[in-house]
Amino acid sequence: MKKEQPIDTLRINLFEAGHCKLNRSWNYKRLASPFSRIYLIEEGEAVVRHSGETHTLHAGDLHLVPCYVTADYSCPNFHTQYYVGFAMRLDTGIDLFSANRCELTLKADDFHYRIFRQMTDLLTPFADEHGRLLHAEIPLATAIESRGLLLQIASTFLKQAIEPTELEKERLGRFAPVLQFIEENIRRDISLETLAELSGLTPTYFSDLFFKTLGCRPVEFMNRRRIERAQLLLSSTDLTVQEISYEVGINSAAYFSRLFHKVAGVPPRRYRKLLLDL
């Protein structure tokens, strides 16, 4: 039986695409987007700080900002950019660029400019003035073509990806059913015992192994995924904060707001405004 490859279950969502000229007002601090962004700098200079590095981008630079990475954005004078905002997730809910460590800045060639221009021409008629595709009704053929173009851009970074070690593959593979269960049941109250049973382990051993593999306890991971889902809903829907709280399995809007602030660094309404301004 053929082993299923990640691409077979890849879920792709496009949130924005376009071309713009920006100046010093492009200045945002500590913003974590719920979707990944790829920029192609056409001219000028932009500075993006994240992942422990300062990335000074010039004409011809392709730059990836993975989702949920806290970043600072600034423009010393002016720059023009092509951009695309998207999510690529495996059926476990893990983002493709979280599962594959990539070089974040690459040099573009004529192929990349052509792809970005084609994508912009395709989607601009359906986007708002900021390139957002929130409520866009995109024809099927256009949706398929634009996702194909996005995959070509994304593949440029994935070609440079660092291959996971065999131990990392084994550990993540062991937890794949658990992660998929969490992703599909995030609105439910999921107990540690339920997750441990899926792995055939005792709750204590399961929690310890989960921590060694993913760097956090199961409850912390589930709360983080709830807030990540909430960040996506704040950026891609008009649902109220209370409605989003229920959507991610938290019945108290007050507790949801406190947890959101703790994880994202800002309250949910402020987070929504920052994303709209970016």
C-alpha atoms as a PDB file:
ATOM      1  CA  MET A   1       0.000   0.000   0.000  1.00  0.00           C
ATOM      2  CA  LYS A   2       1.374   3.390  -0.988  1.00  0.00           C
ATOM      3  CA  LYS A   3       2.512   5.477   1.966  1.00  0.00           C
ATOM      4  CA  GLU A   4       0.589   8.751   2.105  1.00  0.00           C
ATOM      5  CA  GLN A   5       2.773  11.799   1.499  1.00  0.00           C
ATOM      6  CA  PRO A   6       2.229  15.181   3.237  1.00  0.00           C
ATOM      7  CA  ILE A   7       1.110  16.804  -0.030  1.00  0.00           C
ATOM      8  CA  ASP A   8      -1.834  14.361  -0.205  1.00  0.00           C
ATOM      9  CA  THR A   9      -3.457  15.899   2.869  1.00  0.00           C
ATOM     10  CA  LEU A  10      -2.138  19.461   2.575  1.00  0.00           C
ATOM     11  CA  ARG A  11      -4.775  22.115   3.278  1.00  0.00           C
ATOM     12  CA  ILE A  12      -4.099  25.400   1.489  1.00  0.00           C
ATOM     13  CA  ASN A  13      -5.744  28.726   2.250  1.00  0.00           C
ATOM     14  CA  LEU A  14      -5.005  32.055   0.573  1.00  0.00           C
ATOM     15  CA  PHE A  15      -5.652  35.154   2.701  1.00  0.00           C
ATOM     16  CA  GLU A  16      -4.070  38.000   0.752  1.00  0.00           C
ATOM     17  CA  ALA A  17      -1.992  38.798  -2.299  1.00  0.00           C
ATOM     18  CA  GLY A  18      -0.936  41.963  -4.041  1.00  0.00           C
ATOM     19  CA  HIS A  19       1.628  44.601  -4.878  1.00  0.00           C
ATOM     20  CA  CYS A  20       2.144  47.898  -3.064  1.00  0.00           C
ATOM     21  CA  LYS A  21       4.504  50.788  -2.370  1.00  0.00           C
ATOM     22  CA  LEU A  22       5.191  51.510   1.303  1.00  0.00           C
ATOM     23  CA  ASN A  23       6.972  54.196   3.284  1.00  0.00           C
ATOM     24  CA  ARG A  24       8.042  54.822   6.881  1.00  0.00           C
ATOM     25  CA  SER A  25       4.464  54.361   8.101  1.00  0.00           C
ATOM     26  CA  TRP A  26       5.032  50.614   7.548  1.00  0.00           C
ATOM     27  CA  ASN A  27       6.151  50.246  11.140  1.00  0.00           C
ATOM     28  CA  TYR A  28       4.714  47.491  13.356  1.00  0.00           C
ATOM     29  CA  LYS A  29       6.078  45.938  16.523  1.00  0.00           C
ATOM     30  CA  ARG A  30       5.645  42.425  17.942  1.00  0.00           C
ATOM     31  CA  LEU A  31       2.975  41.205  15.575  1.00  0.00           C
ATOM     32  CA  ALA A  32       2.361  37.463  15.138  1.00  0.00           C
ATOM     33  CA  SER A  33       0.317  36.709  12.030  1.00  0.00           C
ATOM     34  CA  PRO A  34      -1.936  33.613  11.973  1.00  0.00           C
ATOM     35  CA  PHE A  35      -0.766  32.863   8.454  1.00  0.00           C
ATOM     36  CA  SER A  36       2.605  32.786   6.726  1.00  0.00           C
ATOM     37  CA  ARG A  37       3.736  35.595   4.456  1.00  0.00           C
ATOM     38  CA  ILE A  38       6.198  35.651   1.582  1.00  0.00           C
ATOM     39  CA  TYR A  39       7.492  39.006   0.367  1.00  0.00           C
ATOM     40  CA  LEU A  40       9.295  39.792  -2.872  1.00  0.00           C
ATOM     41  CA  ILE A  41      11.015  43.175  -2.606  1.00  0.00           C
ATOM     42  CA  GLU A  42      10.917  44.954  -5.959  1.00  0.00           C
ATOM     43  CA  GLU A  43      12.823  48.114  -4.977  1.00  0.00           C
ATOM     44  CA  GLY A  44      13.886  50.009  -1.891  1.00  0.00           C
ATOM     45  CA  GLU A  45      14.591  48.523   1.538  1.00  0.00           C
ATOM     46  CA  ALA A  46      12.535  46.813   4.236  1.00  0.00           C
ATOM     47  CA  VAL A  47      13.572  45.502   7.644  1.00  0.00           C
ATOM     48  CA  VAL A  48      11.876  42.513   9.300  1.00  0.00           C
ATOM     49  CA  ARG A  49      13.034  41.243  12.692  1.00  0.00           C
ATOM     50  CA  HIS A  50      12.029  37.762  13.819  1.00  0.00           C
ATOM     51  CA  SER A  51      13.387  34.358  14.760  1.00  0.00           C
ATOM     52  CA  GLY A  52      16.286  36.026  16.595  1.00  0.00           C
ATOM     53  CA  GLU A  53      17.578  37.826  13.489  1.00  0.00           C
ATOM     54  CA  THR A  54      17.306  41.178  11.732  1.00  0.00           C
ATOM     55  CA  HIS A  55      16.549  40.664   8.043  1.00  0.00           C
ATOM     56  CA  THR A  56      17.388  43.716   5.924  1.00  0.00           C
ATOM     57  CA  LEU A  57      15.680  43.146   2.575  1.00  0.00           C
ATOM     58  CA  HIS A  58      16.642  44.755  -0.727  1.00  0.00           C
ATOM     59  CA  ALA A  59      15.466  44.532  -4.320  1.00  0.00           C
ATOM     60  CA  GLY A  60      15.353  40.939  -5.475  1.00  0.00           C
ATOM     61  CA  ASP A  61      15.002  39.402  -2.013  1.00  0.00           C
ATOM     62  CA  LEU A  62      12.363  36.767  -1.285  1.00  0.00           C
ATOM     63  CA  HIS A  63      11.546  36.562   2.411  1.00  0.00           C
ATOM     64  CA  LEU A  64       9.407  34.133   4.417  1.00  0.00           C
ATOM     65  CA  VAL A  65       7.753  35.023   7.727  1.00  0.00           C
ATOM     66  CA  PRO A  66       6.243  31.776   9.088  1.00  0.00           C
ATOM     67  CA  CYS A  67       2.868  31.894  10.816  1.00  0.00           C
ATOM     68  CA  TYR A  68       2.648  32.761  14.530  1.00  0.00           C
ATOM     69  CA  VAL A  69       6.223  34.064  14.569  1.00  0.00           C
ATOM     70  CA  THR A  70       6.397  37.378  16.434  1.00  0.00           C
ATOM     71  CA  ALA A  71       7.963  39.959  14.109  1.00  0.00           C
ATOM     72  CA  ASP A  72       8.798  43.660  13.878  1.00  0.00           C
ATOM     73  CA  TYR A  73       8.305  45.371  10.506  1.00  0.00           C
ATOM     74  CA  SER A  74       9.847  48.702   9.428  1.00  0.00           C
ATOM     75  CA  CYS A  75      10.732  50.670   6.318  1.00  0.00           C
ATOM     76  CA  PRO A  76      13.698  53.107   6.554  1.00  0.00           C
ATOM     77  CA  ASN A  77      12.534  55.162   3.567  1.00  0.00           C
ATOM     78  CA  PHE A  78      10.374  53.373   0.983  1.00  0.00           C
ATOM     79  CA  HIS A  79      10.034  50.052  -0.748  1.00  0.00           C
ATOM     80  CA  THR A  80       7.724  48.283  -3.178  1.00  0.00           C
ATOM     81  CA  GLN A  81       6.784  44.669  -2.615  1.00  0.00           C
ATOM     82  CA  TYR A  82       4.785  41.771  -3.928  1.00  0.00           C
ATOM     83  CA  TYR A  83       3.275  39.751  -1.102  1.00  0.00           C
ATOM     84  CA  VAL A  84       1.169  36.697  -0.445  1.00  0.00           C
ATOM     85  CA  GLY A  85      -0.391  35.549   2.850  1.00  0.00           C
ATOM     86  CA  PHE A  86      -1.338  31.897   3.134  1.00  0.00           C
ATOM     87  CA  ALA A  87      -1.617  28.806   5.321  1.00  0.00           C
ATOM     88  CA  MET A  88      -0.392  25.340   4.368  1.00  0.00           C
ATOM     89  CA  ARG A  89      -1.291  22.767   7.005  1.00  0.00           C
ATOM     90  CA  LEU A  90      -0.975  19.023   7.290  1.00  0.00           C
ATOM     91  CA  ASP A  91      -3.952  17.023   8.543  1.00  0.00           C
ATOM     92  CA  THR A  92      -2.362  17.084  12.001  1.00  0.00           C
ATOM     93  CA  GLY A  93      -2.830  20.862  12.041  1.00  0.00           C
ATOM     94  CA  ILE A  94       0.922  21.462  11.882  1.00  0.00           C
ATOM     95  CA  ASP A  95       1.982  24.217   9.525  1.00  0.00           C
ATOM     96  CA  LEU A  96       4.174  23.032   6.649  1.00  0.00           C
ATOM     97  CA  PHE A  97       6.854  25.614   7.409  1.00  0.00           C
ATOM     98  CA  SER A  98       6.834  24.713  11.101  1.00  0.00           C
ATOM     99  CA  ALA A  99       7.509  21.099  10.146  1.00  0.00           C
ATOM    100  CA  ASN A 100      10.303  22.096   7.741  1.00  0.00           C
ATOM    101  CA  ARG A 101      13.065  24.495   8.781  1.00  0.00           C
ATOM    102  CA  CYS A 102      13.906  26.698   5.787  1.00  0.00           C
ATOM    103  CA  GLU A 103      16.246  29.492   4.814  1.00  0.00           C
ATOM    104  CA  LEU A 104      14.160  32.633   5.359  1.00  0.00           C
ATOM    105  CA  THR A 105      15.703  34.914   2.710  1.00  0.00           C
ATOM    106  CA  LEU A 106      16.452  33.806  -0.836  1.00  0.00           C
ATOM    107  CA  LYS A 107      17.303  35.562  -4.072  1.00  0.00           C
ATOM    108  CA  ALA A 108      14.466  35.874  -6.566  1.00  0.00           C
ATOM    109  CA  ASP A 109      14.885  35.404 -10.298  1.00  0.00           C
ATOM    110  CA  ASP A 110      12.695  36.214 -13.308  1.00  0.00           C
ATOM    111  CA  PHE A 111      10.582  33.128 -12.583  1.00  0.00           C
ATOM    112  CA  HIS A 112       9.526  34.473  -9.166  1.00  0.00           C
ATOM    113  CA  TYR A 113       8.687  37.927 -10.500  1.00  0.00           C
ATOM    114  CA  ARG A 114       6.589  36.314 -13.228  1.00  0.00           C
ATOM    115  CA  ILE A 115       4.752  34.098 -10.718  1.00  0.00           C
ATOM    116  CA  PHE A 116       4.014  36.999  -8.350  1.00  0.00           C
ATOM    117  CA  ARG A 117       2.798  39.229 -11.188  1.00  0.00           C
ATOM    118  CA  GLN A 118       0.545  36.447 -12.467  1.00  0.00           C
ATOM    119  CA  MET A 119      -0.871  35.801  -8.993  1.00  0.00           C
ATOM    120  CA  THR A 120      -1.476  39.508  -8.401  1.00  0.00           C
ATOM    121  CA  ASP A 121      -3.214  39.907 -11.768  1.00  0.00           C
ATOM    122  CA  LEU A 122      -5.393  36.871 -11.006  1.00  0.00           C
ATOM    123  CA  LEU A 123      -6.493  37.882  -7.501  1.00  0.00           C
ATOM    124  CA  THR A 124      -6.600  41.691  -7.548  1.00  0.00           C
ATOM    125  CA  PRO A 125     -10.120  41.772  -9.078  1.00  0.00           C
ATOM    126  CA  PHE A 126     -11.404  39.837  -6.030  1.00  0.00           C
ATOM    127  CA  ALA A 127      -9.349  41.458  -3.251  1.00  0.00           C
ATOM    128  CA  ASP A 128     -10.038  44.601  -1.233  1.00  0.00           C
ATOM    129  CA  GLU A 129      -7.780  47.672  -1.417  1.00  0.00           C
ATOM    130  CA  HIS A 130      -5.249  45.988   0.888  1.00  0.00           C
ATOM    131  CA  GLY A 131      -5.112  42.761  -1.095  1.00  0.00           C
ATOM    132  CA  ARG A 132      -7.203  40.816   1.414  1.00  0.00           C
ATOM    133  CA  LEU A 133      -9.385  37.974   0.198  1.00  0.00           C
ATOM    134  CA  LEU A 134     -11.555  37.684   3.333  1.00  0.00           C
ATOM    135  CA  HIS A 135     -14.990  37.595   1.697  1.00  0.00           C
ATOM    136  CA  ALA A 136     -13.892  37.065  -1.888  1.00  0.00           C
ATOM    137  CA  GLU A 137     -15.941  34.772  -4.116  1.00  0.00           C
ATOM    138  CA  ILE A 138     -13.170  33.432  -6.310  1.00  0.00           C
ATOM    139  CA  PRO A 139     -14.099  31.327  -9.368  1.00  0.00           C
ATOM    140  CA  LEU A 140     -12.973  27.717  -9.179  1.00  0.00           C
ATOM    141  CA  ALA A 141     -10.508  27.968 -12.065  1.00  0.00           C
ATOM    142  CA  THR A 142      -8.909  31.081 -10.539  1.00  0.00           C
ATOM    143  CA  ALA A 143      -8.681  29.424  -7.108  1.00  0.00           C
ATOM    144  CA  ILE A 144      -6.974  26.357  -8.569  1.00  0.00           C
ATOM    145  CA  GLU A 145      -4.551  28.412 -10.655  1.00  0.00           C
ATOM    146  CA  SER A 146      -3.634  30.753  -7.789  1.00  0.00           C
ATOM    147  CA  ARG A 147      -2.959  27.831  -5.442  1.00  0.00           C
ATOM    148  CA  GLY A 148      -0.754  26.268  -8.096  1.00  0.00           C
ATOM    149  CA  LEU A 149       1.244  29.494  -8.316  1.00  0.00           C
ATOM    150  CA  LEU A 150       1.500  29.648  -4.522  1.00  0.00           C
ATOM    151  CA  LEU A 151       2.839  26.086  -4.396  1.00  0.00           C
ATOM    152  CA  GLN A 152       5.556  27.041  -6.874  1.00  0.00           C
ATOM    153  CA  ILE A 153       6.623  29.969  -4.681  1.00  0.00           C
ATOM    154  CA  ALA A 154       6.513  27.861  -1.506  1.00  0.00           C
ATOM    155  CA  SER A 155       8.530  25.087  -3.135  1.00  0.00           C
ATOM    156  CA  THR A 156      11.422  27.537  -3.599  1.00  0.00           C
ATOM    157  CA  PHE A 157      11.817  27.676   0.178  1.00  0.00           C
ATOM    158  CA  LEU A 158      11.120  23.982   0.743  1.00  0.00           C
ATOM    159  CA  LYS A 159      13.970  23.068  -1.618  1.00  0.00           C
ATOM    160  CA  GLN A 160      16.281  24.628   0.985  1.00  0.00           C
ATOM    161  CA  ALA A 161      14.574  22.922   3.950  1.00  0.00           C
ATOM    162  CA  ILE A 162      16.640  21.121   6.554  1.00  0.00           C
ATOM    163  CA  GLU A 163      15.677  17.465   6.605  1.00  0.00           C
ATOM    164  CA  PRO A 164      14.341  16.329  10.007  1.00  0.00           C
ATOM    165  CA  THR A 165      16.410  13.717  11.806  1.00  0.00           C
ATOM    166  CA  GLU A 166      15.169  10.144  11.963  1.00  0.00           C
ATOM    167  CA  LEU A 167      14.464  10.620  15.685  1.00  0.00           C
ATOM    168  CA  GLU A 168      12.372  13.739  14.959  1.00  0.00           C
ATOM    169  CA  LYS A 169      10.445  11.870  12.259  1.00  0.00           C
ATOM    170  CA  GLU A 170       9.820   8.919  14.570  1.00  0.00           C
ATOM    171  CA  ARG A 171       8.649  11.060  17.484  1.00  0.00           C
ATOM    172  CA  LEU A 172       6.401  13.294  15.393  1.00  0.00           C
ATOM    173  CA  GLY A 173       5.036  10.271  13.557  1.00  0.00           C
ATOM    174  CA  ARG A 174       4.120   8.652  16.847  1.00  0.00           C
ATOM    175  CA  PHE A 175       2.154  11.734  17.884  1.00  0.00           C
ATOM    176  CA  ALA A 176       0.494  12.318  14.495  1.00  0.00           C
ATOM    177  CA  PRO A 177      -2.820  10.617  15.486  1.00  0.00           C
ATOM    178  CA  VAL A 178      -2.894  12.673  18.707  1.00  0.00           C
ATOM    179  CA  LEU A 179      -2.246  15.957  16.894  1.00  0.00           C
ATOM    180  CA  GLN A 180      -4.874  15.145  14.290  1.00  0.00           C
ATOM    181  CA  PHE A 181      -7.388  14.290  17.025  1.00  0.00           C
ATOM    182  CA  ILE A 182      -6.707  17.621  18.750  1.00  0.00           C
ATOM    183  CA  GLU A 183      -7.073  19.469  15.446  1.00  0.00           C
ATOM    184  CA  GLU A 184     -10.408  17.822  14.658  1.00  0.00           C
ATOM    185  CA  ASN A 185     -11.833  18.154  18.172  1.00  0.00           C
ATOM    186  CA  ILE A 186     -10.487  21.504  19.321  1.00  0.00           C
ATOM    187  CA  ARG A 187     -13.992  22.664  20.301  1.00  0.00           C
ATOM    188  CA  ARG A 188     -14.348  19.792  22.765  1.00  0.00           C
ATOM    189  CA  ASP A 189     -13.064  19.428  26.305  1.00  0.00           C
ATOM    190  CA  ILE A 190     -10.252  16.920  25.658  1.00  0.00           C
ATOM    191  CA  SER A 191      -8.825  15.062  28.642  1.00  0.00           C
ATOM    192  CA  LEU A 192      -5.233  13.946  29.089  1.00  0.00           C
ATOM    193  CA  GLU A 193      -6.504  10.390  29.536  1.00  0.00           C
ATOM    194  CA  THR A 194      -8.177  10.471  26.100  1.00  0.00           C
ATOM    195  CA  LEU A 195      -4.949  11.570  24.395  1.00  0.00           C
ATOM    196  CA  ALA A 196      -2.854   9.034  26.293  1.00  0.00           C
ATOM    197  CA  GLU A 197      -5.232   6.256  25.267  1.00  0.00           C
ATOM    198  CA  LEU A 198      -4.748   7.182  21.600  1.00  0.00           C
ATOM    199  CA  SER A 199      -1.013   6.576  22.059  1.00  0.00           C
ATOM    200  CA  GLY A 200      -1.413   3.436  24.139  1.00  0.00           C
ATOM    201  CA  LEU A 201       0.500   5.038  27.023  1.00  0.00           C
ATOM    202  CA  THR A 202      -0.219   5.893  30.631  1.00  0.00           C
ATOM    203  CA  PRO A 203      -1.194   9.574  31.127  1.00  0.00           C
ATOM    204  CA  THR A 204       2.006  10.398  33.048  1.00  0.00           C
ATOM    205  CA  TYR A 205       4.357   8.761  30.548  1.00  0.00           C
ATOM    206  CA  PHE A 206       2.404  10.231  27.633  1.00  0.00           C
ATOM    207  CA  SER A 207       2.653  13.764  29.088  1.00  0.00           C
ATOM    208  CA  ASP A 208       6.415  13.406  29.691  1.00  0.00           C
ATOM    209  CA  LEU A 209       7.083  12.043  26.192  1.00  0.00           C
ATOM    210  CA  PHE A 210       4.869  14.724  24.621  1.00  0.00           C
ATOM    211  CA  PHE A 211       6.910  17.378  26.437  1.00  0.00           C
ATOM    212  CA  LYS A 212      10.220  15.881  25.251  1.00  0.00           C
ATOM    213  CA  THR A 213       8.961  15.739  21.667  1.00  0.00           C
ATOM    214  CA  LEU A 214       7.039  18.999  21.280  1.00  0.00           C
ATOM    215  CA  GLY A 215       8.512  21.161  24.048  1.00  0.00           C
ATOM    216  CA  CYS A 216       5.309  21.709  26.010  1.00  0.00           C
ATOM    217  CA  ARG A 217       2.710  19.782  27.984  1.00  0.00           C
ATOM    218  CA  PRO A 218      -0.475  18.547  26.221  1.00  0.00           C
ATOM    219  CA  VAL A 219      -2.737  21.095  27.955  1.00  0.00           C
ATOM    220  CA  GLU A 220      -0.413  23.948  26.997  1.00  0.00           C
ATOM    221  CA  PHE A 221      -0.293  22.681  23.408  1.00  0.00           C
ATOM    222  CA  MET A 222      -4.100  22.515  23.201  1.00  0.00           C
ATOM    223  CA  ASN A 223      -4.462  26.038  24.604  1.00  0.00           C
ATOM    224  CA  ARG A 224      -1.913  27.307  22.118  1.00  0.00           C
ATOM    225  CA  ARG A 225      -3.767  25.629  19.246  1.00  0.00           C
ATOM    226  CA  ARG A 226      -7.043  27.164  20.477  1.00  0.00           C
ATOM    227  CA  ILE A 227      -5.482  30.622  20.455  1.00  0.00           C
ATOM    228  CA  GLU A 228      -3.861  30.026  17.067  1.00  0.00           C
ATOM    229  CA  ARG A 229      -7.273  29.009  15.700  1.00  0.00           C
ATOM    230  CA  ALA A 230      -8.733  32.152  17.292  1.00  0.00           C
ATOM    231  CA  GLN A 231      -6.049  34.306  15.665  1.00  0.00           C
ATOM    232  CA  LEU A 232      -6.980  32.855  12.300  1.00  0.00           C
ATOM    233  CA  LEU A 233     -10.691  33.488  12.901  1.00  0.00           C
ATOM    234  CA  LEU A 234     -10.000  37.076  14.009  1.00  0.00           C
ATOM    235  CA  SER A 235      -8.140  37.704  10.765  1.00  0.00           C
ATOM    236  CA  SER A 236     -10.420  35.812   8.374  1.00  0.00           C
ATOM    237  CA  THR A 237     -13.968  36.252   9.712  1.00  0.00           C
ATOM    238  CA  ASP A 238     -16.272  38.896  11.172  1.00  0.00           C
ATOM    239  CA  LEU A 239     -17.181  36.749  14.180  1.00  0.00           C
ATOM    240  CA  THR A 240     -17.281  38.530  17.526  1.00  0.00           C
ATOM    241  CA  VAL A 241     -14.756  37.737  20.239  1.00  0.00           C
ATOM    242  CA  GLN A 242     -17.399  35.822  22.160  1.00  0.00           C
ATOM    243  CA  GLU A 243     -18.389  33.791  19.094  1.00  0.00           C
ATOM    244  CA  ILE A 244     -14.737  32.966  18.438  1.00  0.00           C
ATOM    245  CA  SER A 245     -14.325  31.936  22.065  1.00  0.00           C
ATOM    246  CA  TYR A 246     -17.071  29.329  21.618  1.00  0.00           C
ATOM    247  CA  GLU A 247     -15.664  28.242  18.246  1.00  0.00           C
ATOM    248  CA  VAL A 248     -12.346  27.274  19.850  1.00  0.00           C
ATOM    249  CA  GLY A 249     -13.906  25.449  22.789  1.00  0.00           C
ATOM    250  CA  ILE A 250     -13.695  28.091  25.519  1.00  0.00           C
ATOM    251  CA  ASN A 251     -17.106  28.887  26.995  1.00  0.00           C
ATOM    252  CA  SER A 252     -16.011  31.917  29.036  1.00  0.00           C
ATOM    253  CA  ALA A 253     -15.271  34.988  26.896  1.00  0.00           C
ATOM    254  CA  ALA A 254     -13.465  36.594  29.851  1.00  0.00           C
ATOM    255  CA  TYR A 255     -11.158  33.597  30.299  1.00  0.00           C
ATOM    256  CA  PHE A 256     -10.637  33.428  26.540  1.00  0.00           C
ATOM    257  CA  SER A 257      -9.538  37.095  26.459  1.00  0.00           C
ATOM    258  CA  ARG A 258      -7.096  36.537  29.338  1.00  0.00           C
ATOM    259  CA  LEU A 259      -5.636  33.415  27.712  1.00  0.00           C
ATOM    260  CA  PHE A 260      -5.418  35.150  24.331  1.00  0.00           C
ATOM    261  CA  HIS A 261      -3.546  38.098  25.882  1.00  0.00           C
ATOM    262  CA  LYS A 262      -1.158  35.718  27.642  1.00  0.00           C
ATOM    263  CA  VAL A 263      -0.357  33.738  24.474  1.00  0.00           C
ATOM    264  CA  ALA A 264      -0.522  36.473  21.795  1.00  0.00           C
ATOM    265  CA  GLY A 265       0.708  39.414  23.886  1.00  0.00           C
ATOM    266  CA  VAL A 266      -2.280  41.639  23.103  1.00  0.00           C
ATOM    267  CA  PRO A 267      -6.052  41.398  23.701  1.00  0.00           C
ATOM    268  CA  PRO A 268      -8.096  39.857  20.851  1.00  0.00           C
ATOM    269  CA  ARG A 269      -9.712  43.119  19.678  1.00  0.00           C
ATOM    270  CA  ARG A 270      -6.330  44.854  19.579  1.00  0.00           C
ATOM    271  CA  TYR A 271      -4.872  41.918  17.686  1.00  0.00           C
ATOM    272  CA  ARG A 272      -7.601  42.146  15.041  1.00  0.00           C
ATOM    273  CA  LYS A 273      -6.949  45.886  14.576  1.00  0.00           C
ATOM    274  CA  LEU A 274      -3.181  45.374  14.213  1.00  0.00           C
ATOM    275  CA  LEU A 275      -3.715  42.775  11.498  1.00  0.00           C
ATOM    276  CA  LEU A 276      -6.108  45.033   9.608  1.00  0.00           C
ATOM    277  CA  ASP A 277      -3.568  47.855   9.721  1.00  0.00           C
ATOM    278  CA  LEU A 278      -0.603  45.762   8.515  1.00  0.00           C
END
